[in-house]
């Protein structure tokens, strides 16, 4: 029986990792936070993203996920809320201004640096309101996790998925917050942020278009 659960865990890990590696809102926000504010803010944002995943896992385990999937109107409302939040972030990113070089840069970054709580909330809301995360976790649980799997084992699966996401996005954050990369991107950082904003807005528009079909 333990072999059966281990096989489920391996399948879950592979499919879920491939799912979160596809660029999306979480990826865009992680890169933006890491490039703009460094490793600490990037990692805290990623922890927020991982915590947001627990929301999807929780309502999937208690059956709300099935309700969302079987009630198109309810899920449409969730999509609209998500699109609104992505639009908000996208517009905010697009308004990014060039960083001022020299000594003033440190002072400006310290002044504008988001608090740990704000960084966490940005990551949490980005994932918790993301329908892609909802569908991915639903797909994993409904196609890989057997109905006879005990709830305590499913909880372990859910926690493992949170850990996988945090591990992956921490790696992304560390890459884009390294001193060499940040220095190389410094003069064009605002264009990268604007690019991430356009990406988020495109996700939001796509959600709204699909929602009215």
C-alpha atoms as a PDB file:
ATOM      1  CA  UNK A   1       0.000   0.000   0.000  1.00  0.00           C
ATOM      2  CA  UNK A   2       2.863   2.363   0.789  1.00  0.00           C
ATOM      3  CA  UNK A   3       4.249   1.687  -2.696  1.00  0.00           C
ATOM      4  CA  UNK A   4       0.905   2.763  -4.133  1.00  0.00           C
ATOM      5  CA  UNK A   5       1.075   6.107  -2.294  1.00  0.00           C
ATOM      6  CA  UNK A   6       4.708   6.590  -3.301  1.00  0.00           C
ATOM      7  CA  UNK A   7       3.786   6.074  -6.955  1.00  0.00           C
ATOM      8  CA  UNK A   8       0.996   8.625  -6.572  1.00  0.00           C
ATOM      9  CA  UNK A   9       3.445  11.070  -5.014  1.00  0.00           C
ATOM     10  CA  UNK A  10       5.951  10.646  -7.851  1.00  0.00           C
ATOM     11  CA  UNK A  11       3.280  11.205 -10.503  1.00  0.00           C
ATOM     12  CA  UNK A  12       1.897  14.180  -8.603  1.00  0.00           C
ATOM     13  CA  UNK A  13       5.367  15.709  -8.250  1.00  0.00           C
ATOM     14  CA  UNK A  14       6.212  15.401 -11.942  1.00  0.00           C
ATOM     15  CA  UNK A  15       2.926  16.765 -13.273  1.00  0.00           C
ATOM     16  CA  UNK A  16       2.661  19.557 -10.723  1.00  0.00           C
ATOM     17  CA  UNK A  17       6.253  20.683 -11.238  1.00  0.00           C
ATOM     18  CA  UNK A  18       5.750  20.816 -15.006  1.00  0.00           C
ATOM     19  CA  UNK A  19       2.556  22.781 -14.421  1.00  0.00           C
ATOM     20  CA  UNK A  20       4.111  25.488 -12.231  1.00  0.00           C
ATOM     21  CA  UNK A  21       7.189  25.799 -14.461  1.00  0.00           C
ATOM     22  CA  UNK A  22       4.994  27.177 -17.249  1.00  0.00           C
ATOM     23  CA  UNK A  23       5.275  31.000 -17.074  1.00  0.00           C
ATOM     24  CA  UNK A  24       2.272  32.600 -15.431  1.00  0.00           C
ATOM     25  CA  UNK A  25       1.282  35.250 -12.913  1.00  0.00           C
ATOM     26  CA  UNK A  26       3.325  33.670 -10.099  1.00  0.00           C
ATOM     27  CA  UNK A  27       6.401  33.590 -12.319  1.00  0.00           C
ATOM     28  CA  UNK A  28       5.956  37.206 -13.425  1.00  0.00           C
ATOM     29  CA  UNK A  29       5.497  38.527  -9.889  1.00  0.00           C
ATOM     30  CA  UNK A  30       8.469  36.534  -8.571  1.00  0.00           C
ATOM     31  CA  UNK A  31      10.784  37.956 -11.235  1.00  0.00           C
ATOM     32  CA  UNK A  32       9.543  41.505 -10.739  1.00  0.00           C
ATOM     33  CA  UNK A  33       9.887  41.437  -6.953  1.00  0.00           C
ATOM     34  CA  UNK A  34      13.327  39.829  -7.113  1.00  0.00           C
ATOM     35  CA  UNK A  35      14.757  42.147  -9.754  1.00  0.00           C
ATOM     36  CA  UNK A  36      13.335  45.273  -8.151  1.00  0.00           C
ATOM     37  CA  UNK A  37      13.940  44.617  -4.465  1.00  0.00           C
ATOM     38  CA  UNK A  38      16.397  41.757  -4.136  1.00  0.00           C
ATOM     39  CA  UNK A  39      16.600  38.281  -2.665  1.00  0.00           C
ATOM     40  CA  UNK A  40      14.876  38.881   0.678  1.00  0.00           C
ATOM     41  CA  UNK A  41      11.750  40.433  -0.827  1.00  0.00           C
ATOM     42  CA  UNK A  42      11.689  37.840  -3.611  1.00  0.00           C
ATOM     43  CA  UNK A  43      11.852  34.913  -1.189  1.00  0.00           C
ATOM     44  CA  UNK A  44       9.178  36.412   1.101  1.00  0.00           C
ATOM     45  CA  UNK A  45       6.939  36.889  -1.947  1.00  0.00           C
ATOM     46  CA  UNK A  46       7.540  33.254  -2.902  1.00  0.00           C
ATOM     47  CA  UNK A  47       6.560  32.117   0.600  1.00  0.00           C
ATOM     48  CA  UNK A  48       3.331  34.038   0.073  1.00  0.00           C
ATOM     49  CA  UNK A  49       2.810  32.217  -3.240  1.00  0.00           C
ATOM     50  CA  UNK A  50       3.361  28.869  -1.520  1.00  0.00           C
ATOM     51  CA  UNK A  51       0.881  29.816   1.195  1.00  0.00           C
ATOM     52  CA  UNK A  52      -1.648  30.799  -1.465  1.00  0.00           C
ATOM     53  CA  UNK A  53      -1.440  27.271  -2.862  1.00  0.00           C
ATOM     54  CA  UNK A  54      -2.670  25.954   0.480  1.00  0.00           C
ATOM     55  CA  UNK A  55      -5.959  27.775  -0.159  1.00  0.00           C
ATOM     56  CA  UNK A  56      -6.548  25.776  -3.352  1.00  0.00           C
ATOM     57  CA  UNK A  57      -5.500  22.555  -1.642  1.00  0.00           C
ATOM     58  CA  UNK A  58      -7.835  23.212   1.290  1.00  0.00           C
ATOM     59  CA  UNK A  59     -10.996  23.835  -0.702  1.00  0.00           C
ATOM     60  CA  UNK A  60     -10.149  20.924  -2.995  1.00  0.00           C
ATOM     61  CA  UNK A  61      -9.894  18.591  -0.007  1.00  0.00           C
ATOM     62  CA  UNK A  62     -13.203  19.748   1.476  1.00  0.00           C
ATOM     63  CA  UNK A  63     -14.992  19.449  -1.856  1.00  0.00           C
ATOM     64  CA  UNK A  64     -15.377  23.122  -2.759  1.00  0.00           C
ATOM     65  CA  UNK A  65     -13.100  22.544  -5.731  1.00  0.00           C
ATOM     66  CA  UNK A  66     -15.620  20.144  -7.214  1.00  0.00           C
ATOM     67  CA  UNK A  67     -18.352  22.731  -6.580  1.00  0.00           C
ATOM     68  CA  UNK A  68     -16.382  25.376  -8.479  1.00  0.00           C
ATOM     69  CA  UNK A  69     -15.854  22.970 -11.336  1.00  0.00           C
ATOM     70  CA  UNK A  70     -19.513  21.987 -11.573  1.00  0.00           C
ATOM     71  CA  UNK A  71     -20.948  25.503 -11.101  1.00  0.00           C
ATOM     72  CA  UNK A  72     -19.878  27.620 -14.106  1.00  0.00           C
ATOM     73  CA  UNK A  73     -21.412  30.823 -12.727  1.00  0.00           C
ATOM     74  CA  UNK A  74     -19.534  30.572  -9.446  1.00  0.00           C
ATOM     75  CA  UNK A  75     -16.268  29.802 -11.184  1.00  0.00           C
ATOM     76  CA  UNK A  76     -16.865  32.721 -13.581  1.00  0.00           C
ATOM     77  CA  UNK A  77     -17.080  35.045 -10.575  1.00  0.00           C
ATOM     78  CA  UNK A  78     -13.764  33.678  -9.309  1.00  0.00           C
ATOM     79  CA  UNK A  79     -12.209  34.310 -12.729  1.00  0.00           C
ATOM     80  CA  UNK A  80     -13.439  37.919 -12.832  1.00  0.00           C
ATOM     81  CA  UNK A  81     -12.015  38.601  -9.357  1.00  0.00           C
ATOM     82  CA  UNK A  82      -8.717  37.079 -10.423  1.00  0.00           C
ATOM     83  CA  UNK A  83      -8.645  39.108 -13.650  1.00  0.00           C
ATOM     84  CA  UNK A  84      -9.288  42.303 -11.702  1.00  0.00           C
ATOM     85  CA  UNK A  85      -6.351  41.622  -9.386  1.00  0.00           C
ATOM     86  CA  UNK A  86      -4.047  40.783 -12.305  1.00  0.00           C
ATOM     87  CA  UNK A  87      -5.094  43.991 -14.068  1.00  0.00           C
ATOM     88  CA  UNK A  88      -4.296  45.951 -10.919  1.00  0.00           C
ATOM     89  CA  UNK A  89      -0.814  44.424 -10.679  1.00  0.00           C
ATOM     90  CA  UNK A  90      -0.235  44.795 -14.414  1.00  0.00           C
ATOM     91  CA  UNK A  91      -1.077  48.501 -14.441  1.00  0.00           C
ATOM     92  CA  UNK A  92       1.108  49.012 -11.371  1.00  0.00           C
ATOM     93  CA  UNK A  93       4.047  47.289 -13.056  1.00  0.00           C
ATOM     94  CA  UNK A  94       3.588  49.191 -16.336  1.00  0.00           C
ATOM     95  CA  UNK A  95       3.839  52.475 -14.422  1.00  0.00           C
ATOM     96  CA  UNK A  96       7.342  51.512 -13.272  1.00  0.00           C
ATOM     97  CA  UNK A  97       9.837  54.329 -13.716  1.00  0.00           C
ATOM     98  CA  UNK A  98      13.573  54.152 -14.519  1.00  0.00           C
ATOM     99  CA  UNK A  99      15.799  53.755 -11.486  1.00  0.00           C
ATOM    100  CA  UNK A 100      18.136  56.631 -10.740  1.00  0.00           C
ATOM    101  CA  UNK A 101      21.770  55.578 -10.802  1.00  0.00           C
ATOM    102  CA  UNK A 102      24.319  56.579  -8.208  1.00  0.00           C
ATOM    103  CA  UNK A 103      24.012  57.207  -4.499  1.00  0.00           C
ATOM    104  CA  UNK A 104      20.392  58.242  -4.660  1.00  0.00           C
ATOM    105  CA  UNK A 105      19.360  54.776  -5.806  1.00  0.00           C
ATOM    106  CA  UNK A 106      19.940  53.179  -2.416  1.00  0.00           C
ATOM    107  CA  UNK A 107      17.897  55.798  -0.642  1.00  0.00           C
ATOM    108  CA  UNK A 108      15.057  55.504  -3.154  1.00  0.00           C
ATOM    109  CA  UNK A 109      15.009  51.703  -2.984  1.00  0.00           C
ATOM    110  CA  UNK A 110      14.981  51.804   0.825  1.00  0.00           C
ATOM    111  CA  UNK A 111      12.108  54.270   0.781  1.00  0.00           C
ATOM    112  CA  UNK A 112      10.075  52.311  -1.777  1.00  0.00           C
ATOM    113  CA  UNK A 113      11.044  48.851  -0.543  1.00  0.00           C
ATOM    114  CA  UNK A 114       7.876  46.894   0.365  1.00  0.00           C
ATOM    115  CA  UNK A 115       7.549  45.594   3.903  1.00  0.00           C
ATOM    116  CA  UNK A 116       7.842  41.826   4.482  1.00  0.00           C
ATOM    117  CA  UNK A 117       4.092  41.672   5.177  1.00  0.00           C
ATOM    118  CA  UNK A 118       3.246  43.489   1.960  1.00  0.00           C
ATOM    119  CA  UNK A 119       5.590  41.243  -0.022  1.00  0.00           C
ATOM    120  CA  UNK A 120       3.965  38.169   1.507  1.00  0.00           C
ATOM    121  CA  UNK A 121       0.454  39.461   0.747  1.00  0.00           C
ATOM    122  CA  UNK A 122       1.385  40.209  -2.878  1.00  0.00           C
ATOM    123  CA  UNK A 123       2.593  36.634  -3.328  1.00  0.00           C
ATOM    124  CA  UNK A 124      -0.353  35.146  -1.441  1.00  0.00           C
ATOM    125  CA  UNK A 125      -3.020  37.033  -3.385  1.00  0.00           C
ATOM    126  CA  UNK A 126      -1.294  36.422  -6.713  1.00  0.00           C
ATOM    127  CA  UNK A 127      -1.613  32.669  -6.258  1.00  0.00           C
ATOM    128  CA  UNK A 128      -4.809  32.478  -4.184  1.00  0.00           C
ATOM    129  CA  UNK A 129      -6.751  34.390  -6.867  1.00  0.00           C
ATOM    130  CA  UNK A 130      -5.178  32.538  -9.785  1.00  0.00           C
ATOM    131  CA  UNK A 131      -7.608  30.209 -11.635  1.00  0.00           C
ATOM    132  CA  UNK A 132      -4.636  28.486 -13.262  1.00  0.00           C
ATOM    133  CA  UNK A 133      -3.554  27.289  -9.819  1.00  0.00           C
ATOM    134  CA  UNK A 134      -7.118  26.176  -9.096  1.00  0.00           C
ATOM    135  CA  UNK A 135      -7.373  24.129 -12.274  1.00  0.00           C
ATOM    136  CA  UNK A 136      -3.882  22.645 -11.899  1.00  0.00           C
ATOM    137  CA  UNK A 137      -4.482  21.417  -8.353  1.00  0.00           C
ATOM    138  CA  UNK A 138      -7.953  20.143  -9.232  1.00  0.00           C
ATOM    139  CA  UNK A 139      -6.499  18.275 -12.204  1.00  0.00           C
ATOM    140  CA  UNK A 140      -3.778  16.712 -10.065  1.00  0.00           C
ATOM    141  CA  UNK A 141      -6.133  15.565  -7.334  1.00  0.00           C
ATOM    142  CA  UNK A 142      -8.881  14.362  -9.659  1.00  0.00           C
ATOM    143  CA  UNK A 143      -6.656  12.456 -12.097  1.00  0.00           C
ATOM    144  CA  UNK A 144      -3.797  11.181  -9.927  1.00  0.00           C
ATOM    145  CA  UNK A 145      -5.025  10.919  -6.347  1.00  0.00           C
ATOM    146  CA  UNK A 146      -7.306   7.926  -5.945  1.00  0.00           C
ATOM    147  CA  UNK A 147     -10.628   8.371  -4.175  1.00  0.00           C
ATOM    148  CA  UNK A 148      -9.640   5.693  -1.643  1.00  0.00           C
ATOM    149  CA  UNK A 149      -6.529   7.643  -0.601  1.00  0.00           C
ATOM    150  CA  UNK A 150      -6.974   8.612   3.095  1.00  0.00           C
ATOM    151  CA  UNK A 151      -7.488  12.304   3.833  1.00  0.00           C
ATOM    152  CA  UNK A 152      -4.315  12.458   5.929  1.00  0.00           C
ATOM    153  CA  UNK A 153      -2.298  11.234   2.926  1.00  0.00           C
ATOM    154  CA  UNK A 154      -4.004  13.804   0.706  1.00  0.00           C
ATOM    155  CA  UNK A 155      -3.061  16.528   3.189  1.00  0.00           C
ATOM    156  CA  UNK A 156       0.560  15.399   2.959  1.00  0.00           C
ATOM    157  CA  UNK A 157       0.269  15.593  -0.836  1.00  0.00           C
ATOM    158  CA  UNK A 158      -1.079  19.134  -0.521  1.00  0.00           C
ATOM    159  CA  UNK A 159       1.735  20.246   1.785  1.00  0.00           C
ATOM    160  CA  UNK A 160       4.242  18.665  -0.592  1.00  0.00           C
ATOM    161  CA  UNK A 161       2.777  20.660  -3.493  1.00  0.00           C
ATOM    162  CA  UNK A 162       3.226  23.866  -1.483  1.00  0.00           C
ATOM    163  CA  UNK A 163       6.845  22.872  -0.837  1.00  0.00           C
ATOM    164  CA  UNK A 164       7.450  22.111  -4.530  1.00  0.00           C
ATOM    165  CA  UNK A 165       6.136  25.529  -5.544  1.00  0.00           C
ATOM    166  CA  UNK A 166       8.190  27.348  -2.924  1.00  0.00           C
ATOM    167  CA  UNK A 167      11.325  25.438  -3.958  1.00  0.00           C
ATOM    168  CA  UNK A 168      10.868  26.213  -7.645  1.00  0.00           C
ATOM    169  CA  UNK A 169      10.061  29.892  -7.204  1.00  0.00           C
ATOM    170  CA  UNK A 170      12.830  30.385  -4.624  1.00  0.00           C
ATOM    171  CA  UNK A 171      15.234  29.117  -7.295  1.00  0.00           C
ATOM    172  CA  UNK A 172      13.757  31.616  -9.774  1.00  0.00           C
ATOM    173  CA  UNK A 173      13.976  34.389  -7.173  1.00  0.00           C
ATOM    174  CA  UNK A 174      17.604  33.646  -6.314  1.00  0.00           C
ATOM    175  CA  UNK A 175      18.530  33.649  -9.988  1.00  0.00           C
ATOM    176  CA  UNK A 176      16.947  37.019 -10.698  1.00  0.00           C
ATOM    177  CA  UNK A 177      18.029  38.634  -7.433  1.00  0.00           C
ATOM    178  CA  UNK A 178      21.726  37.823  -7.810  1.00  0.00           C
ATOM    179  CA  UNK A 179      23.931  40.901  -7.753  1.00  0.00           C
ATOM    180  CA  UNK A 180      25.387  40.281 -11.206  1.00  0.00           C
ATOM    181  CA  UNK A 181      21.995  39.875 -12.867  1.00  0.00           C
ATOM    182  CA  UNK A 182      20.442  42.819 -11.024  1.00  0.00           C
ATOM    183  CA  UNK A 183      23.397  45.012 -11.979  1.00  0.00           C
ATOM    184  CA  UNK A 184      23.174  43.870 -15.589  1.00  0.00           C
ATOM    185  CA  UNK A 185      19.451  44.604 -15.742  1.00  0.00           C
ATOM    186  CA  UNK A 186      19.588  47.814 -13.696  1.00  0.00           C
ATOM    187  CA  UNK A 187      19.347  50.242 -16.594  1.00  0.00           C
ATOM    188  CA  UNK A 188      16.539  48.320 -18.259  1.00  0.00           C
ATOM    189  CA  UNK A 189      14.800  47.079 -15.107  1.00  0.00           C
ATOM    190  CA  UNK A 190      11.790  49.346 -15.596  1.00  0.00           C
ATOM    191  CA  UNK A 191      11.279  47.859 -19.069  1.00  0.00           C
ATOM    192  CA  UNK A 192      11.319  44.371 -17.580  1.00  0.00           C
ATOM    193  CA  UNK A 193       8.739  45.433 -14.999  1.00  0.00           C
ATOM    194  CA  UNK A 194       6.608  46.922 -17.760  1.00  0.00           C
ATOM    195  CA  UNK A 195       6.983  43.687 -19.715  1.00  0.00           C
ATOM    196  CA  UNK A 196       5.802  41.724 -16.685  1.00  0.00           C
ATOM    197  CA  UNK A 197       2.889  44.163 -16.416  1.00  0.00           C
ATOM    198  CA  UNK A 198       1.900  43.559 -20.032  1.00  0.00           C
ATOM    199  CA  UNK A 199       2.141  39.815 -19.389  1.00  0.00           C
ATOM    200  CA  UNK A 200      -0.171  40.064 -16.377  1.00  0.00           C
ATOM    201  CA  UNK A 201      -2.649  42.231 -18.254  1.00  0.00           C
ATOM    202  CA  UNK A 202      -2.656  39.737 -21.124  1.00  0.00           C
ATOM    203  CA  UNK A 203      -3.446  36.954 -18.633  1.00  0.00           C
ATOM    204  CA  UNK A 204      -6.288  39.046 -17.231  1.00  0.00           C
ATOM    205  CA  UNK A 205      -7.729  39.885 -20.662  1.00  0.00           C
ATOM    206  CA  UNK A 206      -7.498  36.243 -21.709  1.00  0.00           C
ATOM    207  CA  UNK A 207      -9.379  35.227 -18.562  1.00  0.00           C
ATOM    208  CA  UNK A 208     -12.137  37.762 -19.243  1.00  0.00           C
ATOM    209  CA  UNK A 209     -12.433  36.781 -22.923  1.00  0.00           C
ATOM    210  CA  UNK A 210     -12.704  33.089 -22.063  1.00  0.00           C
ATOM    211  CA  UNK A 211     -15.170  33.949 -19.331  1.00  0.00           C
ATOM    212  CA  UNK A 212     -17.702  35.480 -21.724  1.00  0.00           C
ATOM    213  CA  UNK A 213     -17.565  32.665 -24.254  1.00  0.00           C
END
